[in-house]
Amino acid sequence: MEAPLYPDFPLDPSTPISGQPVFWVGPRHLAGDDGRLYDAVTDTLVGLGWTSLTIVRGRLEPDEAPEDRQVLRSTVLHISPDTLRWAQWSLADEPFHLGDLPIAWQISARADTSSPLAQWSAYFTPDVPGEAVADFLVALDACDQPAVPLAGPELVLDAVAAHGWLRDIDQPQAAATDPTFTSHISLGEVPPLIQDADPRALTTEADEAGPAGWQAWAEPALGAPCLWAVSFSASVPHDLVAAFAASLSSAAPVLRLVLPEATRERLLRAPAG
């Protein structure tokens, strides 16, 4: 495994300084989210000009002071200026699980403003590298029509193959893995509860194959719990998935203060600054 590290890069000023050493690390797909997945994505959305809303649901008893209200659920929602796309931080909002991991971010888009329903959704658990989610959002923000695919699935596999990932021998047109066989991306069956406007997602019988979507995950050891997981519903345009895949598989190092316990020994690192 090789990942170039550049210790002479200037330290990112957004990196928190707490007296702990900060490292340039690689490979990115095993580097975790540095405990900053919320901040990394939110900073990107603010930079793109998306509006932030906080939705708090709770119970207020008669004569009860607002600060004593019992909050049941809280959601942070970011909406693009054209309202065609949105991102929801759901980790604090009783999220459902993907690969035994809770969903942290749900990102969705619709075809036009006449329908309140999402055309597609993408789901990201904690420890997905924030850089990859941010690059996905930048690509999404740049789309004039975020629900219209501009390329075929080959673009996703080309993106990771360009960074040294290997196509699956049995499914060369639908799956790939990193050279250490730790992280994977595959076009196939979509897990339950993944929201998509494709009517086949609702009408498929139990013994039938529904519409295929891209799934990605990192499994530090065979049979071990996943470090992170990502699910793209069937209608997510392949070009957007390719933007995520290209960033995820990039050999460029990333700054990290906190290293995932499960992959700490697999990471190459050099002090930053």
Protein backbone atom coordinates (compact mmCIF):
# COMPACT_ATOMS: atom_id res chain seq x y z
CA MET A 1 0.00 0.00 0.00
CA GLU A 2 1.41 3.38 -1.01
CA ALA A 3 -0.02 6.82 -0.32
CA PRO A 4 2.09 9.92 -0.86
CA LEU A 5 2.37 12.17 2.19
CA TYR A 6 3.41 15.81 2.06
CA PRO A 7 4.45 17.10 5.50
CA ASP A 8 5.45 20.48 4.01
CA PHE A 9 1.84 21.35 3.17
CA PRO A 10 0.65 24.39 5.20
CA LEU A 11 -1.56 23.51 8.12
CA ASP A 12 -5.25 24.08 7.36
CA PRO A 13 -6.29 27.05 9.56
CA SER A 14 -9.66 25.40 10.19
CA THR A 15 -7.95 22.52 11.98
CA PRO A 16 -8.55 22.74 15.71
CA ILE A 17 -5.45 23.39 17.77
CA SER A 18 -5.56 21.63 21.12
CA GLY A 19 -1.97 20.70 21.78
CA GLN A 20 -2.45 17.31 20.15
CA PRO A 21 -0.33 16.41 17.12
CA VAL A 22 -1.96 16.83 13.73
CA PHE A 23 -0.98 14.44 10.95
CA TRP A 24 -1.19 14.19 7.19
CA VAL A 25 -2.54 10.67 6.72
CA GLY A 26 -3.46 8.25 3.98
CA PRO A 27 -5.14 6.39 2.49
CA ARG A 28 -8.11 8.71 2.74
CA HIS A 29 -10.75 5.96 2.68
CA LEU A 30 -9.42 4.60 5.99
CA ALA A 31 -8.74 7.96 7.66
CA GLY A 32 -12.18 8.39 9.26
CA ASP A 33 -13.93 11.73 9.70
CA ASP A 34 -11.68 13.19 12.44
CA GLY A 35 -14.79 13.57 14.58
CA ARG A 36 -15.72 16.54 12.36
CA LEU A 37 -18.18 15.12 9.84
CA TYR A 38 -20.87 17.59 10.91
CA ASP A 39 -18.50 20.57 10.81
CA ALA A 40 -16.80 19.58 7.56
CA VAL A 41 -20.07 19.19 5.68
CA THR A 42 -21.72 22.22 7.28
CA ASP A 43 -18.74 24.43 6.41
CA THR A 44 -19.05 23.30 2.79
CA LEU A 45 -22.80 24.01 2.69
CA VAL A 46 -22.33 27.45 4.21
CA GLY A 47 -19.71 28.18 1.58
CA LEU A 48 -22.16 27.13 -1.13
CA GLY A 49 -24.78 29.50 0.21
CA TRP A 50 -27.26 26.91 1.46
CA THR A 51 -29.74 27.98 4.13
CA SER A 52 -29.58 26.28 7.54
CA LEU A 53 -32.69 25.46 9.55
CA THR A 54 -32.96 23.82 12.95
CA ILE A 55 -36.16 21.91 13.60
CA VAL A 56 -36.85 21.08 17.24
CA ARG A 57 -39.74 18.85 18.26
CA GLY A 58 -40.70 18.45 21.87
CA ARG A 59 -43.33 18.86 24.51
CA LEU A 60 -44.09 22.06 26.41
CA GLU A 61 -46.24 21.69 29.52
CA PRO A 62 -48.58 24.51 30.66
CA ASP A 63 -46.72 27.19 32.65
CA GLU A 64 -43.39 25.54 31.75
CA ALA A 65 -40.47 27.80 30.89
CA PRO A 66 -39.12 27.35 27.33
CA GLU A 67 -35.72 26.29 28.68
CA ASP A 68 -37.41 23.44 30.57
CA ARG A 69 -39.10 22.01 27.49
CA GLN A 70 -38.47 18.33 26.93
CA VAL A 71 -36.95 18.07 23.46
CA LEU A 72 -37.80 14.80 21.76
CA ARG A 73 -36.05 15.18 18.42
CA SER A 74 -33.87 17.77 16.75
CA THR A 75 -32.92 18.05 13.09
CA VAL A 76 -30.52 20.36 11.27
CA LEU A 77 -31.55 20.90 7.66
CA HIS A 78 -29.63 22.72 4.93
CA ILE A 79 -31.46 23.77 1.75
CA SER A 80 -29.93 24.97 -1.52
CA PRO A 81 -30.94 28.40 -2.86
CA ASP A 82 -33.10 26.83 -5.60
CA THR A 83 -34.67 24.42 -3.03
CA LEU A 84 -34.01 21.46 -5.35
CA ARG A 85 -31.51 19.84 -2.99
CA TRP A 86 -31.11 19.51 0.74
CA ALA A 87 -28.91 17.88 3.37
CA GLN A 88 -30.09 16.69 6.76
CA TRP A 89 -27.92 15.96 9.79
CA SER A 90 -29.86 13.10 11.34
CA LEU A 91 -27.43 11.62 13.86
CA ALA A 92 -29.24 13.35 16.73
CA ASP A 93 -32.65 12.54 15.25
CA GLU A 94 -33.09 8.83 15.99
CA PRO A 95 -31.53 7.74 12.68
CA PHE A 96 -31.92 4.33 11.14
CA HIS A 97 -28.85 2.18 10.66
CA LEU A 98 -26.81 1.19 7.65
CA GLY A 99 -24.39 -1.70 8.09
CA ASP A 100 -25.06 -1.53 11.85
CA LEU A 101 -23.93 2.11 11.82
CA PRO A 102 -26.25 5.10 12.36
CA ILE A 103 -26.90 7.44 9.45
CA ALA A 104 -25.25 10.81 10.04
CA TRP A 105 -26.07 12.76 6.85
CA GLN A 106 -28.93 12.25 4.41
CA ILE A 107 -28.62 14.23 1.18
CA SER A 108 -31.53 14.44 -1.27
CA ALA A 109 -32.62 16.14 -4.47
CA ARG A 110 -35.84 16.58 -6.44
CA ALA A 111 -36.53 17.21 -10.10
CA ASP A 112 -38.54 20.44 -9.67
CA THR A 113 -40.14 22.58 -7.01
CA SER A 114 -43.68 21.39 -7.81
CA SER A 115 -43.12 18.14 -5.92
CA PRO A 116 -42.17 17.94 -2.23
CA LEU A 117 -40.79 14.42 -2.69
CA ALA A 118 -37.12 13.61 -3.21
CA GLN A 119 -36.17 12.01 -6.50
CA TRP A 120 -33.25 10.33 -4.73
CA SER A 121 -31.37 10.23 -1.44
CA ALA A 122 -27.83 9.37 -0.36
CA TYR A 123 -26.87 8.28 3.16
CA PHE A 124 -23.54 8.61 4.97
CA THR A 125 -22.60 7.14 8.36
CA PRO A 126 -19.98 8.55 10.75
CA ASP A 127 -16.33 8.07 9.76
CA VAL A 128 -16.99 8.59 6.05
CA PRO A 129 -14.18 11.02 5.17
CA GLY A 130 -15.66 14.50 5.24
CA GLU A 131 -13.66 15.46 2.16
CA ALA A 132 -15.55 12.90 0.07
CA VAL A 133 -18.97 14.05 1.30
CA ALA A 134 -17.99 17.66 0.67
CA ASP A 135 -16.88 16.89 -2.89
CA PHE A 136 -20.18 15.07 -3.49
CA LEU A 137 -22.05 18.19 -2.32
CA VAL A 138 -19.96 20.53 -4.47
CA ALA A 139 -20.76 18.37 -7.52
CA LEU A 140 -24.44 18.29 -6.54
CA ASP A 141 -24.56 22.07 -6.10
CA ALA A 142 -23.05 22.56 -9.56
CA CYS A 143 -25.79 20.54 -11.31
CA ASP A 144 -28.47 22.51 -13.13
CA GLN A 145 -30.74 19.47 -12.96
CA PRO A 146 -29.69 17.39 -9.93
CA ALA A 147 -32.12 14.56 -10.70
CA VAL A 148 -30.94 14.02 -14.30
CA PRO A 149 -28.10 11.52 -14.89
CA LEU A 150 -25.35 12.77 -17.18
CA ALA A 151 -23.28 9.59 -17.48
CA GLY A 152 -23.37 5.82 -17.08
CA PRO A 153 -22.13 3.64 -14.21
CA GLU A 154 -18.77 3.11 -15.89
CA LEU A 155 -17.80 6.61 -14.79
CA VAL A 156 -17.83 5.53 -11.12
CA LEU A 157 -15.52 2.59 -11.69
CA ASP A 158 -13.23 4.67 -13.88
CA ALA A 159 -12.92 7.20 -11.05
CA VAL A 160 -11.63 4.67 -8.52
CA ALA A 161 -9.59 2.70 -11.07
CA ALA A 162 -7.70 5.90 -11.88
CA HIS A 163 -6.53 5.88 -8.24
CA GLY A 164 -5.39 2.28 -8.23
CA TRP A 165 -8.52 0.49 -7.08
CA LEU A 166 -9.13 -2.94 -8.57
CA ARG A 167 -12.21 -4.02 -10.46
CA ASP A 168 -13.95 -7.07 -9.06
CA ILE A 169 -13.02 -10.19 -11.01
CA ASP A 170 -16.58 -11.50 -10.99
CA GLN A 171 -18.30 -8.14 -11.50
CA PRO A 172 -15.84 -5.91 -13.39
CA GLN A 173 -18.65 -3.64 -14.58
CA ALA A 174 -20.28 -3.23 -11.18
CA ALA A 175 -17.77 -3.38 -8.33
CA ALA A 176 -14.27 -2.39 -7.26
CA THR A 177 -12.09 -2.52 -4.15
CA ASP A 178 -8.97 -0.79 -2.91
CA PRO A 179 -5.66 -2.69 -3.24
CA THR A 180 -5.84 -3.87 0.39
CA PHE A 181 -9.38 -5.24 -0.11
CA THR A 182 -10.61 -3.11 2.80
CA SER A 183 -12.89 -0.59 1.11
CA HIS A 184 -15.44 -1.43 -1.55
CA ILE A 185 -17.88 0.19 -3.95
CA SER A 186 -20.56 -1.81 -5.69
CA LEU A 187 -23.63 -1.32 -7.88
CA GLY A 188 -26.31 -3.68 -6.66
CA GLU A 189 -29.21 -4.30 -4.33
CA VAL A 190 -30.26 -1.28 -2.28
CA PRO A 191 -30.77 -1.79 1.48
CA PRO A 192 -34.25 -1.40 3.00
CA LEU A 193 -35.59 2.09 3.86
CA ILE A 194 -33.46 3.83 1.23
CA GLN A 195 -35.75 6.48 -0.28
CA ASP A 196 -36.05 6.75 -4.05
CA ALA A 197 -38.72 7.97 -6.48
CA ASP A 198 -38.25 5.02 -8.85
CA PRO A 199 -41.62 3.25 -8.62
CA ARG A 200 -39.91 -0.13 -8.87
CA ALA A 201 -38.51 0.48 -5.38
CA LEU A 202 -42.07 0.20 -4.04
CA THR A 203 -43.50 -2.51 -6.29
CA THR A 204 -40.67 -5.07 -6.27
CA GLU A 205 -41.68 -8.41 -4.81
CA ALA A 206 -39.59 -10.09 -2.11
CA ASP A 207 -38.12 -12.57 -4.60
CA GLU A 208 -37.41 -9.96 -7.29
CA ALA A 209 -34.41 -7.73 -7.79
CA GLY A 210 -35.26 -4.06 -7.44
CA PRO A 211 -33.47 -1.12 -9.05
CA ALA A 212 -29.74 -1.13 -8.36
CA GLY A 213 -27.91 1.63 -6.50
CA TRP A 214 -24.31 2.27 -5.51
CA GLN A 215 -23.14 1.12 -2.08
CA ALA A 216 -19.74 1.75 -0.50
CA TRP A 217 -18.21 0.58 2.77
CA ALA A 218 -14.97 -0.06 4.62
CA GLU A 219 -14.44 -3.33 6.47
CA PRO A 220 -11.11 -3.15 8.35
CA ALA A 221 -10.95 -6.96 8.73
CA LEU A 222 -12.97 -9.83 7.36
CA GLY A 223 -16.07 -10.18 9.49
CA ALA A 224 -15.22 -7.09 11.55
CA PRO A 225 -17.68 -4.21 11.99
CA CYS A 226 -17.64 -1.67 9.19
CA LEU A 227 -15.72 1.55 9.76
CA TRP A 228 -18.24 3.44 7.62
CA ALA A 229 -20.95 2.81 5.06
CA VAL A 230 -22.62 4.82 2.30
CA SER A 231 -25.78 4.09 0.34
CA PHE A 232 -26.93 5.84 -2.82
CA SER A 233 -30.51 5.18 -3.88
CA ALA A 234 -31.09 3.89 -7.40
CA SER A 235 -31.82 7.29 -8.98
CA VAL A 236 -28.69 9.11 -7.76
CA PRO A 237 -26.93 10.22 -10.98
CA HIS A 238 -23.77 8.24 -11.65
CA ASP A 239 -21.74 11.38 -12.23
CA LEU A 240 -22.44 12.50 -8.66
CA VAL A 241 -21.48 9.10 -7.28
CA ALA A 242 -18.31 9.33 -9.36
CA ALA A 243 -17.43 12.65 -7.69
CA PHE A 244 -17.73 10.96 -4.29
CA ALA A 245 -15.79 7.88 -5.46
CA ALA A 246 -12.96 9.96 -6.94
CA SER A 247 -12.53 11.89 -3.69
CA LEU A 248 -12.83 8.79 -1.49
CA SER A 249 -10.15 6.91 -3.44
CA SER A 250 -7.83 9.90 -3.85
CA ALA A 251 -4.20 9.32 -2.89
CA ALA A 252 -3.89 12.91 -1.64
CA PRO A 253 -3.31 12.94 2.14
CA VAL A 254 -5.76 14.48 4.58
CA LEU A 255 -5.26 16.27 7.89
CA ARG A 256 -6.32 14.31 10.94
CA LEU A 257 -6.23 14.97 14.66
CA VAL A 258 -8.14 11.81 15.57
CA LEU A 259 -7.37 8.46 13.92
CA PRO A 260 -9.90 5.61 13.81
CA GLU A 261 -8.95 2.85 16.21
CA ALA A 262 -9.90 0.14 13.71
CA THR A 263 -7.57 1.41 10.97
CA ARG A 264 -4.89 3.25 12.94
CA GLU A 265 -2.19 0.70 12.11
CA ARG A 266 -3.06 0.76 8.40
CA LEU A 267 -2.55 4.49 7.99
CA LEU A 268 0.59 6.17 6.72
CA ARG A 269 1.15 9.44 8.55
CA ALA A 270 3.50 12.39 8.75
CA PRO A 271 3.41 15.33 11.16
CA ALA A 272 1.73 18.45 9.81
CA GLY A 273 3.39 21.81 10.20
